[in-house]
C-alpha cells in the first residue's frame, strides 16, 4: 500500500477498471494492456508493444511517444481509481511525460501511484520500464475528482453541450 493512502470504495472491485468488464470500445482491450498489481494508491500494468506501434529509425523500431504516454496515463488512472468512492469519477487536468530513453518493441511495464489525494484533486506519478528493468519514461498528472453523474459519469448519459458538470466549471 502506498503510504498514507486510504482505499476508496472502488478498490473493492478491480475488474470494473478492466476491458472485459465494460461493453463497447475500451483502450485496454484495443492495446492488450494487462494489470499485474492492484493496491490502494497503486496500479501496475504491462503491454507488449509490437512493431505496428513503432516508427522506423536507423537504430531500429521505436515505440511512438503517444503510446508510451497512453500506458503511463493508464497506470496513473488505475492508481487514481483505487482511491475513489462509487459516487466519484475523474478526468485528467494535466499530464507531463519525460522520455528518458527510447522505447523498443517488447514488454513494457508501468506503475502508477497516488502521490496525494485531496477532496477534489488526486496527484499521481508513474514510471515505465522495459523487460530488463531500464527506466524508459516517467510521468505526473493531476486528476480532478467529479461526481459519477451527468456527462462525465461512467454510466450516465451526457448532455449535448459537451460542457463540464456545473460543479467543475470555473
N, C-alpha and C. Protein backbone atom coordinates (compact mmCIF):
# COMPACT_ATOMS: atom_id res chain seq x y z
N UNK A 1 0.84 -1.19 0.00
CA UNK A 1 0.00 0.00 0.00
C UNK A 1 0.88 1.24 0.00
N UNK A 2 0.50 2.22 -0.80
CA UNK A 2 1.21 3.48 -0.82
C UNK A 2 0.98 4.16 0.52
N UNK A 3 2.06 4.62 1.13
CA UNK A 3 1.99 5.17 2.48
C UNK A 3 0.99 6.32 2.58
N UNK A 4 0.11 6.26 3.58
CA UNK A 4 -0.86 7.31 3.84
C UNK A 4 -2.04 7.35 2.88
N UNK A 5 -2.18 6.38 2.01
CA UNK A 5 -3.28 6.37 1.04
C UNK A 5 -4.38 5.45 1.53
N UNK A 6 -5.59 5.99 1.59
CA UNK A 6 -6.75 5.22 2.01
C UNK A 6 -7.49 4.73 0.78
N UNK A 7 -7.80 3.43 0.71
CA UNK A 7 -8.53 2.94 -0.46
C UNK A 7 -9.95 3.49 -0.48
N UNK A 8 -10.45 3.73 -1.69
CA UNK A 8 -11.84 4.13 -1.85
C UNK A 8 -12.71 2.91 -2.04
N UNK A 9 -14.01 3.13 -2.17
CA UNK A 9 -14.95 2.02 -2.36
C UNK A 9 -14.67 1.28 -3.68
N UNK A 10 -14.14 1.97 -4.67
CA UNK A 10 -13.87 1.34 -5.97
C UNK A 10 -12.76 0.30 -5.89
N UNK A 11 -11.90 0.39 -4.86
CA UNK A 11 -10.80 -0.57 -4.72
C UNK A 11 -11.31 -1.99 -4.53
N UNK A 12 -12.52 -2.14 -4.01
CA UNK A 12 -13.08 -3.46 -3.72
C UNK A 12 -13.35 -4.27 -4.99
N UNK A 13 -13.48 -3.62 -6.15
CA UNK A 13 -13.79 -4.33 -7.39
C UNK A 13 -12.84 -3.92 -8.50
N UNK A 14 -11.65 -4.50 -8.55
CA UNK A 14 -10.67 -4.11 -9.56
C UNK A 14 -11.08 -4.43 -10.99
N UNK A 15 -11.98 -5.39 -11.18
CA UNK A 15 -12.38 -5.76 -12.54
C UNK A 15 -13.13 -4.63 -13.26
N UNK A 16 -13.77 -3.75 -12.53
CA UNK A 16 -14.52 -2.67 -13.16
C UNK A 16 -13.62 -1.81 -14.03
N UNK A 17 -12.34 -1.74 -13.68
CA UNK A 17 -11.39 -0.90 -14.43
C UNK A 17 -10.93 -1.60 -15.71
N UNK A 18 -11.15 -2.90 -15.82
CA UNK A 18 -10.60 -3.66 -16.93
C UNK A 18 -11.56 -3.76 -18.10
N UNK A 19 -11.00 -4.05 -19.25
CA UNK A 19 -11.75 -4.07 -20.50
C UNK A 19 -12.85 -5.11 -20.54
N UNK A 20 -12.63 -6.27 -19.91
CA UNK A 20 -13.64 -7.34 -20.01
C UNK A 20 -14.87 -7.05 -19.18
N UNK A 21 -14.84 -6.02 -18.35
CA UNK A 21 -16.00 -5.68 -17.53
C UNK A 21 -16.86 -4.59 -18.16
N UNK A 22 -16.45 -4.08 -19.32
CA UNK A 22 -17.15 -2.95 -19.95
C UNK A 22 -17.53 -3.33 -21.37
N UNK A 23 -18.76 -3.04 -21.75
CA UNK A 23 -19.19 -3.25 -23.12
C UNK A 23 -18.67 -2.11 -23.99
N UNK A 24 -18.49 -2.39 -25.26
CA UNK A 24 -18.09 -1.35 -26.19
C UNK A 24 -16.58 -1.13 -26.22
N UNK A 25 -16.16 -0.04 -26.87
CA UNK A 25 -14.73 0.23 -27.02
C UNK A 25 -14.04 0.41 -25.67
N UNK A 26 -12.80 -0.02 -25.59
CA UNK A 26 -12.02 0.13 -24.37
C UNK A 26 -10.54 0.06 -24.75
N UNK A 27 -9.76 1.05 -24.36
CA UNK A 27 -8.36 1.10 -24.76
C UNK A 27 -7.56 -0.10 -24.26
N UNK A 28 -7.90 -0.60 -23.08
CA UNK A 28 -7.17 -1.76 -22.55
C UNK A 28 -7.35 -2.96 -23.47
N UNK A 29 -8.55 -3.16 -23.98
CA UNK A 29 -8.82 -4.28 -24.88
C UNK A 29 -8.14 -4.04 -26.22
N UNK A 30 -8.24 -2.83 -26.73
CA UNK A 30 -7.67 -2.49 -28.03
C UNK A 30 -6.16 -2.71 -28.05
N UNK A 31 -5.46 -2.26 -27.01
CA UNK A 31 -4.00 -2.35 -27.00
C UNK A 31 -3.48 -3.61 -26.31
N UNK A 32 -4.34 -4.28 -25.56
CA UNK A 32 -3.90 -5.51 -24.90
C UNK A 32 -3.19 -5.28 -23.57
N UNK A 33 -3.58 -4.24 -22.84
CA UNK A 33 -2.99 -3.99 -21.52
C UNK A 33 -3.40 -5.09 -20.55
N UNK A 34 -2.51 -5.38 -19.60
CA UNK A 34 -2.77 -6.38 -18.56
C UNK A 34 -2.36 -5.79 -17.21
N UNK A 35 -3.26 -5.86 -16.24
CA UNK A 35 -2.93 -5.40 -14.89
C UNK A 35 -2.13 -6.48 -14.19
N UNK A 36 -1.02 -6.10 -13.55
CA UNK A 36 -0.20 -7.07 -12.84
C UNK A 36 -0.21 -6.84 -11.33
N UNK A 37 -0.69 -5.67 -10.89
CA UNK A 37 -0.76 -5.40 -9.46
C UNK A 37 -1.82 -4.33 -9.22
N UNK A 38 -2.48 -4.41 -8.08
CA UNK A 38 -3.58 -3.50 -7.73
C UNK A 38 -3.54 -3.35 -6.23
N UNK A 39 -3.19 -2.17 -5.76
CA UNK A 39 -3.13 -1.87 -4.33
C UNK A 39 -3.75 -0.50 -4.10
N UNK A 40 -4.16 -0.19 -2.88
CA UNK A 40 -4.65 1.16 -2.63
C UNK A 40 -3.58 2.19 -2.99
N UNK A 41 -3.90 3.03 -3.95
CA UNK A 41 -2.98 4.07 -4.38
C UNK A 41 -1.94 3.64 -5.39
N UNK A 42 -2.06 2.46 -5.96
CA UNK A 42 -1.05 2.00 -6.92
C UNK A 42 -1.63 0.95 -7.86
N UNK A 43 -1.26 1.04 -9.12
CA UNK A 43 -1.63 0.04 -10.11
C UNK A 43 -0.45 -0.16 -11.05
N UNK A 44 -0.16 -1.42 -11.35
CA UNK A 44 0.88 -1.76 -12.33
C UNK A 44 0.22 -2.47 -13.50
N UNK A 45 0.65 -2.07 -14.71
CA UNK A 45 0.13 -2.71 -15.92
C UNK A 45 1.29 -2.98 -16.86
N UNK A 46 1.05 -3.93 -17.75
CA UNK A 46 2.07 -4.22 -18.76
C UNK A 46 1.41 -4.28 -20.13
N UNK A 47 2.26 -4.10 -21.13
CA UNK A 47 1.81 -4.08 -22.52
C UNK A 47 2.94 -4.60 -23.39
N UNK A 48 2.62 -5.45 -24.31
CA UNK A 48 3.62 -5.93 -25.26
C UNK A 48 3.51 -5.08 -26.51
N UNK A 49 4.46 -4.18 -26.66
CA UNK A 49 4.49 -3.28 -27.82
C UNK A 49 5.06 -4.05 -29.01
N UNK A 50 4.34 -4.02 -30.10
CA UNK A 50 4.80 -4.68 -31.32
C UNK A 50 5.22 -3.62 -32.33
N UNK A 51 5.83 -4.06 -33.42
CA UNK A 51 6.33 -3.15 -34.44
C UNK A 51 5.22 -2.27 -35.03
N UNK A 52 3.98 -2.74 -34.98
CA UNK A 52 2.86 -1.94 -35.53
C UNK A 52 2.68 -0.63 -34.77
N UNK A 53 3.19 -0.55 -33.55
CA UNK A 53 3.05 0.66 -32.73
C UNK A 53 4.33 1.50 -32.74
N UNK A 54 5.20 1.25 -33.71
CA UNK A 54 6.50 1.91 -33.76
C UNK A 54 6.69 2.69 -35.05
N UNK A 55 7.73 3.50 -35.05
CA UNK A 55 8.20 4.11 -36.28
C UNK A 55 9.65 3.68 -36.48
N UNK A 56 10.07 3.60 -37.74
CA UNK A 56 11.43 3.12 -38.01
C UNK A 56 12.47 4.21 -37.79
N UNK A 57 13.63 3.80 -37.29
CA UNK A 57 14.80 4.69 -37.22
C UNK A 57 16.00 3.90 -37.72
N UNK A 58 17.11 4.58 -37.94
CA UNK A 58 18.34 3.91 -38.38
C UNK A 58 18.81 2.89 -37.34
N UNK A 59 18.43 3.10 -36.08
CA UNK A 59 18.85 2.21 -34.99
C UNK A 59 17.78 1.17 -34.63
N UNK A 60 16.70 1.11 -35.39
CA UNK A 60 15.65 0.14 -35.12
C UNK A 60 14.33 0.81 -34.78
N UNK A 61 13.32 -0.02 -34.58
CA UNK A 61 11.96 0.47 -34.30
C UNK A 61 11.89 1.13 -32.94
N UNK A 62 11.12 2.24 -32.87
CA UNK A 62 10.91 2.99 -31.62
C UNK A 62 9.41 3.13 -31.40
N UNK A 63 8.94 2.79 -30.20
CA UNK A 63 7.52 2.93 -29.87
C UNK A 63 7.15 4.41 -29.89
N UNK A 64 6.07 4.71 -30.57
CA UNK A 64 5.60 6.09 -30.70
C UNK A 64 5.33 6.69 -29.32
N UNK A 65 5.74 7.94 -29.10
CA UNK A 65 5.63 8.59 -27.79
C UNK A 65 4.22 8.71 -27.25
N UNK A 66 3.25 8.85 -28.12
CA UNK A 66 1.86 8.92 -27.66
C UNK A 66 1.41 7.62 -27.03
N UNK A 67 1.93 6.51 -27.52
CA UNK A 67 1.58 5.21 -26.94
C UNK A 67 2.30 4.99 -25.61
N UNK A 68 3.52 5.51 -25.48
CA UNK A 68 4.21 5.50 -24.19
C UNK A 68 3.38 6.30 -23.19
N UNK A 69 2.93 7.46 -23.62
CA UNK A 69 2.11 8.33 -22.77
C UNK A 69 0.82 7.64 -22.37
N UNK A 70 0.19 6.94 -23.30
CA UNK A 70 -1.07 6.24 -23.01
C UNK A 70 -0.87 5.19 -21.92
N UNK A 71 0.24 4.45 -21.97
CA UNK A 71 0.50 3.43 -20.95
C UNK A 71 0.70 4.08 -19.58
N UNK A 72 1.49 5.14 -19.53
CA UNK A 72 1.71 5.85 -18.27
C UNK A 72 0.39 6.42 -17.73
N UNK A 73 -0.41 6.99 -18.62
CA UNK A 73 -1.70 7.57 -18.24
C UNK A 73 -2.64 6.49 -17.70
N UNK A 74 -2.65 5.33 -18.32
CA UNK A 74 -3.50 4.23 -17.85
C UNK A 74 -3.07 3.76 -16.46
N UNK A 75 -1.77 3.71 -16.22
CA UNK A 75 -1.28 3.30 -14.90
C UNK A 75 -1.67 4.32 -13.83
N UNK A 76 -1.54 5.61 -14.14
CA UNK A 76 -1.92 6.63 -13.17
C UNK A 76 -3.43 6.67 -12.97
N UNK A 77 -4.19 6.46 -14.06
CA UNK A 77 -5.64 6.41 -13.94
C UNK A 77 -6.09 5.25 -13.07
N UNK A 78 -5.45 4.10 -13.23
CA UNK A 78 -5.76 2.95 -12.39
C UNK A 78 -5.46 3.23 -10.93
N UNK A 79 -4.33 3.90 -10.66
CA UNK A 79 -3.98 4.24 -9.28
C UNK A 79 -5.01 5.19 -8.69
N UNK A 80 -5.42 6.19 -9.48
CA UNK A 80 -6.43 7.15 -9.02
C UNK A 80 -7.74 6.44 -8.71
N UNK A 81 -8.12 5.51 -9.58
CA UNK A 81 -9.38 4.77 -9.43
C UNK A 81 -9.45 4.06 -8.08
N UNK A 82 -8.30 3.60 -7.56
CA UNK A 82 -8.29 2.85 -6.30
C UNK A 82 -8.66 3.68 -5.09
N UNK A 83 -8.61 5.00 -5.20
CA UNK A 83 -8.90 5.86 -4.04
C UNK A 83 -10.25 6.55 -4.14
N UNK A 84 -11.02 6.24 -5.19
CA UNK A 84 -12.32 6.88 -5.38
C UNK A 84 -13.45 6.04 -4.79
N UNK A 85 -14.51 6.73 -4.40
CA UNK A 85 -15.73 6.04 -3.96
C UNK A 85 -16.64 5.85 -5.16
N UNK A 86 -17.70 5.08 -4.98
CA UNK A 86 -18.58 4.73 -6.08
C UNK A 86 -19.29 5.93 -6.70
N UNK A 87 -19.45 7.00 -5.94
CA UNK A 87 -20.12 8.19 -6.48
C UNK A 87 -19.14 9.17 -7.11
N UNK A 88 -17.89 8.73 -7.36
CA UNK A 88 -16.86 9.61 -7.91
C UNK A 88 -16.23 9.01 -9.16
N UNK A 89 -15.85 9.89 -10.08
CA UNK A 89 -15.04 9.56 -11.25
C UNK A 89 -13.97 10.65 -11.35
N UNK A 90 -13.13 10.57 -12.36
CA UNK A 90 -12.10 11.60 -12.51
C UNK A 90 -11.86 11.92 -13.97
N UNK A 91 -11.29 13.08 -14.20
CA UNK A 91 -10.79 13.49 -15.51
C UNK A 91 -9.39 14.03 -15.31
N UNK A 92 -8.52 13.80 -16.27
CA UNK A 92 -7.16 14.29 -16.20
C UNK A 92 -7.13 15.77 -16.53
N UNK A 93 -6.59 16.58 -15.61
CA UNK A 93 -6.49 18.02 -15.83
C UNK A 93 -5.18 18.37 -16.52
N UNK A 94 -4.10 17.68 -16.16
CA UNK A 94 -2.84 17.89 -16.85
C UNK A 94 -2.01 16.62 -16.78
N UNK A 95 -1.07 16.51 -17.72
CA UNK A 95 -0.26 15.30 -17.85
C UNK A 95 1.10 15.72 -18.40
N UNK A 96 2.16 15.30 -17.71
CA UNK A 96 3.52 15.61 -18.15
C UNK A 96 4.29 14.30 -18.29
N UNK A 97 5.07 14.19 -19.36
CA UNK A 97 5.85 12.98 -19.59
C UNK A 97 7.29 13.36 -19.88
N UNK A 98 8.21 12.60 -19.30
CA UNK A 98 9.63 12.72 -19.62
C UNK A 98 10.07 11.41 -20.25
N UNK A 99 10.58 11.49 -21.48
CA UNK A 99 11.08 10.32 -22.18
C UNK A 99 12.57 10.21 -21.88
N UNK A 100 12.94 9.26 -21.03
CA UNK A 100 14.31 9.11 -20.56
C UNK A 100 15.16 8.36 -21.58
N UNK A 101 14.61 7.31 -22.16
CA UNK A 101 15.26 6.51 -23.19
C UNK A 101 14.21 6.15 -24.24
N UNK A 102 14.66 5.74 -25.42
CA UNK A 102 13.71 5.29 -26.42
C UNK A 102 13.10 3.97 -25.96
N UNK A 103 11.87 3.77 -26.34
CA UNK A 103 11.16 2.52 -26.02
C UNK A 103 11.14 1.66 -27.27
N UNK A 104 11.58 0.44 -27.12
CA UNK A 104 11.65 -0.51 -28.23
C UNK A 104 10.50 -1.51 -28.13
N UNK A 105 10.19 -2.20 -29.21
CA UNK A 105 9.16 -3.24 -29.14
C UNK A 105 9.52 -4.27 -28.06
N UNK A 106 8.49 -4.79 -27.42
CA UNK A 106 8.67 -5.79 -26.37
C UNK A 106 7.80 -5.47 -25.18
N UNK A 107 8.06 -6.15 -24.08
CA UNK A 107 7.27 -5.97 -22.86
C UNK A 107 7.62 -4.64 -22.19
N UNK A 108 6.60 -3.82 -21.98
CA UNK A 108 6.75 -2.56 -21.27
C UNK A 108 5.85 -2.60 -20.05
N UNK A 109 6.34 -2.16 -18.90
CA UNK A 109 5.51 -2.13 -17.69
C UNK A 109 5.53 -0.74 -17.08
N UNK A 110 4.37 -0.35 -16.59
CA UNK A 110 4.22 0.95 -15.95
C UNK A 110 3.53 0.77 -14.60
N UNK A 111 4.02 1.51 -13.62
CA UNK A 111 3.38 1.53 -12.31
C UNK A 111 2.99 2.96 -12.00
N UNK A 112 1.71 3.14 -11.72
CA UNK A 112 1.19 4.45 -11.34
C UNK A 112 0.93 4.47 -9.85
N UNK A 113 1.19 5.61 -9.22
CA UNK A 113 0.95 5.76 -7.78
C UNK A 113 0.26 7.08 -7.50
N UNK A 114 -0.52 7.07 -6.43
CA UNK A 114 -1.13 8.30 -5.94
C UNK A 114 -0.10 8.98 -5.04
N UNK A 115 0.24 10.20 -5.38
CA UNK A 115 1.19 10.97 -4.58
C UNK A 115 0.47 11.68 -3.44
N UNK A 116 -0.71 12.24 -3.76
CA UNK A 116 -1.51 12.94 -2.76
C UNK A 116 -2.96 12.96 -3.22
N UNK A 117 -3.86 12.81 -2.26
CA UNK A 117 -5.30 12.87 -2.55
C UNK A 117 -5.91 13.97 -1.71
N UNK A 118 -6.64 14.87 -2.37
CA UNK A 118 -7.46 15.84 -1.64
C UNK A 118 -8.91 15.54 -1.98
N UNK A 119 -9.81 16.32 -1.46
CA UNK A 119 -11.23 16.07 -1.73
C UNK A 119 -11.55 16.19 -3.22
N UNK A 120 -10.93 17.13 -3.93
CA UNK A 120 -11.28 17.41 -5.32
C UNK A 120 -10.19 17.06 -6.34
N UNK A 121 -8.97 16.74 -5.86
CA UNK A 121 -7.85 16.53 -6.77
C UNK A 121 -7.03 15.32 -6.31
N UNK A 122 -6.54 14.55 -7.28
CA UNK A 122 -5.62 13.44 -7.00
C UNK A 122 -4.36 13.67 -7.84
N UNK A 123 -3.21 13.76 -7.17
CA UNK A 123 -1.94 13.91 -7.85
C UNK A 123 -1.31 12.53 -7.99
N UNK A 124 -0.88 12.19 -9.20
CA UNK A 124 -0.33 10.85 -9.46
C UNK A 124 1.02 10.95 -10.17
N UNK A 125 1.77 9.86 -10.09
CA UNK A 125 3.05 9.73 -10.80
C UNK A 125 3.14 8.33 -11.36
N UNK A 126 3.99 8.14 -12.38
CA UNK A 126 4.19 6.81 -12.96
C UNK A 126 5.59 6.71 -13.54
N UNK A 127 6.06 5.47 -13.61
CA UNK A 127 7.30 5.15 -14.29
C UNK A 127 7.05 3.96 -15.20
N UNK A 128 7.75 3.97 -16.35
CA UNK A 128 7.65 2.87 -17.30
C UNK A 128 9.04 2.27 -17.50
N UNK A 129 9.11 0.94 -17.47
CA UNK A 129 10.36 0.21 -17.62
C UNK A 129 10.24 -0.83 -18.73
N UNK A 130 11.39 -1.22 -19.28
CA UNK A 130 11.39 -2.33 -20.23
C UNK A 130 11.58 -3.64 -19.47
N UNK A 131 11.63 -4.75 -20.19
CA UNK A 131 11.72 -6.07 -19.55
C UNK A 131 13.01 -6.24 -18.75
N UNK A 132 14.05 -5.50 -19.10
CA UNK A 132 15.32 -5.58 -18.37
C UNK A 132 15.34 -4.68 -17.14
N UNK A 133 14.27 -3.90 -16.96
CA UNK A 133 14.18 -3.02 -15.80
C UNK A 133 14.70 -1.61 -16.02
N UNK A 134 15.10 -1.27 -17.25
CA UNK A 134 15.59 0.08 -17.53
C UNK A 134 14.44 1.07 -17.53
N UNK A 135 14.64 2.20 -16.87
CA UNK A 135 13.64 3.27 -16.87
C UNK A 135 13.59 3.91 -18.25
N UNK A 136 12.41 3.94 -18.84
CA UNK A 136 12.22 4.50 -20.18
C UNK A 136 11.53 5.85 -20.15
N UNK A 137 10.57 6.01 -19.24
CA UNK A 137 9.80 7.26 -19.19
C UNK A 137 9.19 7.41 -17.81
N UNK A 138 8.93 8.65 -17.43
CA UNK A 138 8.22 8.92 -16.19
C UNK A 138 7.17 9.98 -16.46
N UNK A 139 6.21 10.07 -15.56
CA UNK A 139 5.07 10.95 -15.81
C UNK A 139 4.47 11.41 -14.49
N UNK A 140 3.78 12.54 -14.55
CA UNK A 140 2.99 13.04 -13.42
C UNK A 140 1.71 13.60 -14.01
N UNK A 141 0.65 13.55 -13.21
CA UNK A 141 -0.61 14.12 -13.67
C UNK A 141 -1.42 14.62 -12.49
N UNK A 142 -2.40 15.43 -12.83
CA UNK A 142 -3.37 15.92 -11.86
C UNK A 142 -4.74 15.44 -12.33
N UNK A 143 -5.46 14.73 -11.46
CA UNK A 143 -6.79 14.22 -11.77
C UNK A 143 -7.81 15.02 -10.97
N UNK A 144 -8.84 15.49 -11.63
CA UNK A 144 -9.92 16.22 -10.98
C UNK A 144 -11.03 15.24 -10.65
N UNK A 145 -11.43 15.20 -9.39
CA UNK A 145 -12.50 14.29 -8.94
C UNK A 145 -13.85 14.94 -9.23
N UNK A 146 -14.72 14.18 -9.90
CA UNK A 146 -16.05 14.66 -10.29
C UNK A 146 -17.11 13.68 -9.79
N UNK A 147 -18.36 14.13 -9.71
CA UNK A 147 -19.43 13.20 -9.33
C UNK A 147 -19.68 12.18 -10.44
N UNK A 148 -20.03 10.97 -10.06
CA UNK A 148 -20.33 9.91 -11.01
C UNK A 148 -21.77 10.05 -11.50
N UNK A 149 -22.07 11.21 -12.00
CA UNK A 149 -23.40 11.51 -12.54
C UNK A 149 -23.20 12.57 -13.62
N UNK A 150 -24.12 12.68 -14.52
CA UNK A 150 -24.01 13.69 -15.56
C UNK A 150 -23.05 13.27 -16.66
N UNK A 151 -22.52 14.26 -17.38
CA UNK A 151 -21.78 13.96 -18.60
C UNK A 151 -20.49 13.16 -18.41
N UNK A 152 -19.87 13.21 -17.24
CA UNK A 152 -18.60 12.52 -17.06
C UNK A 152 -18.71 11.26 -16.21
N UNK A 153 -19.93 10.89 -15.84
CA UNK A 153 -20.13 9.66 -15.10
C UNK A 153 -19.82 8.45 -15.96
N UNK A 154 -19.53 7.34 -15.34
CA UNK A 154 -19.18 6.12 -16.07
C UNK A 154 -20.37 5.52 -16.79
N UNK A 155 -21.57 5.74 -16.31
CA UNK A 155 -22.73 5.10 -16.92
C UNK A 155 -23.83 6.08 -17.31
N UNK A 156 -23.72 7.33 -16.89
CA UNK A 156 -24.76 8.30 -17.18
C UNK A 156 -24.74 8.73 -18.64
N UNK A 157 -25.80 9.38 -19.07
CA UNK A 157 -25.90 9.89 -20.42
C UNK A 157 -25.49 11.35 -20.42
N UNK A 158 -24.54 11.71 -21.28
CA UNK A 158 -24.06 13.09 -21.36
C UNK A 158 -25.09 13.96 -22.04
N UNK A 159 -25.08 15.26 -21.68
CA UNK A 159 -25.96 16.17 -22.40
C UNK A 159 -25.27 16.57 -23.71
N UNK A 160 -25.98 17.31 -24.57
CA UNK A 160 -25.48 17.64 -25.90
C UNK A 160 -24.48 18.78 -25.90
N UNK A 161 -24.33 19.50 -24.79
CA UNK A 161 -23.49 20.69 -24.79
C UNK A 161 -21.99 20.37 -24.80
N UNK A 162 -21.59 19.26 -24.20
CA UNK A 162 -20.18 18.94 -24.10
C UNK A 162 -19.49 19.70 -22.98
N UNK A 163 -20.22 20.51 -22.23
CA UNK A 163 -19.64 21.30 -21.14
C UNK A 163 -19.41 20.42 -19.92
N UNK A 164 -18.44 20.83 -19.07
CA UNK A 164 -18.24 20.06 -17.83
C UNK A 164 -19.44 20.22 -16.91
N UNK A 165 -19.55 19.34 -15.91
CA UNK A 165 -20.66 19.47 -14.97
C UNK A 165 -20.61 20.83 -14.26
N UNK A 166 -21.76 21.27 -13.79
CA UNK A 166 -21.86 22.59 -13.14
C UNK A 166 -20.82 22.80 -12.06
N UNK A 167 -20.55 21.76 -11.23
CA UNK A 167 -19.63 21.95 -10.10
C UNK A 167 -18.16 21.90 -10.53
N UNK A 168 -17.88 21.70 -11.83
CA UNK A 168 -16.50 21.68 -12.30
C UNK A 168 -16.17 22.92 -13.13
N UNK A 169 -17.13 23.80 -13.30
CA UNK A 169 -16.90 25.00 -14.13
C UNK A 169 -16.25 26.08 -13.29
N UNK A 170 -15.35 26.81 -13.92
CA UNK A 170 -14.62 27.87 -13.22
C UNK A 170 -15.38 29.15 -13.10
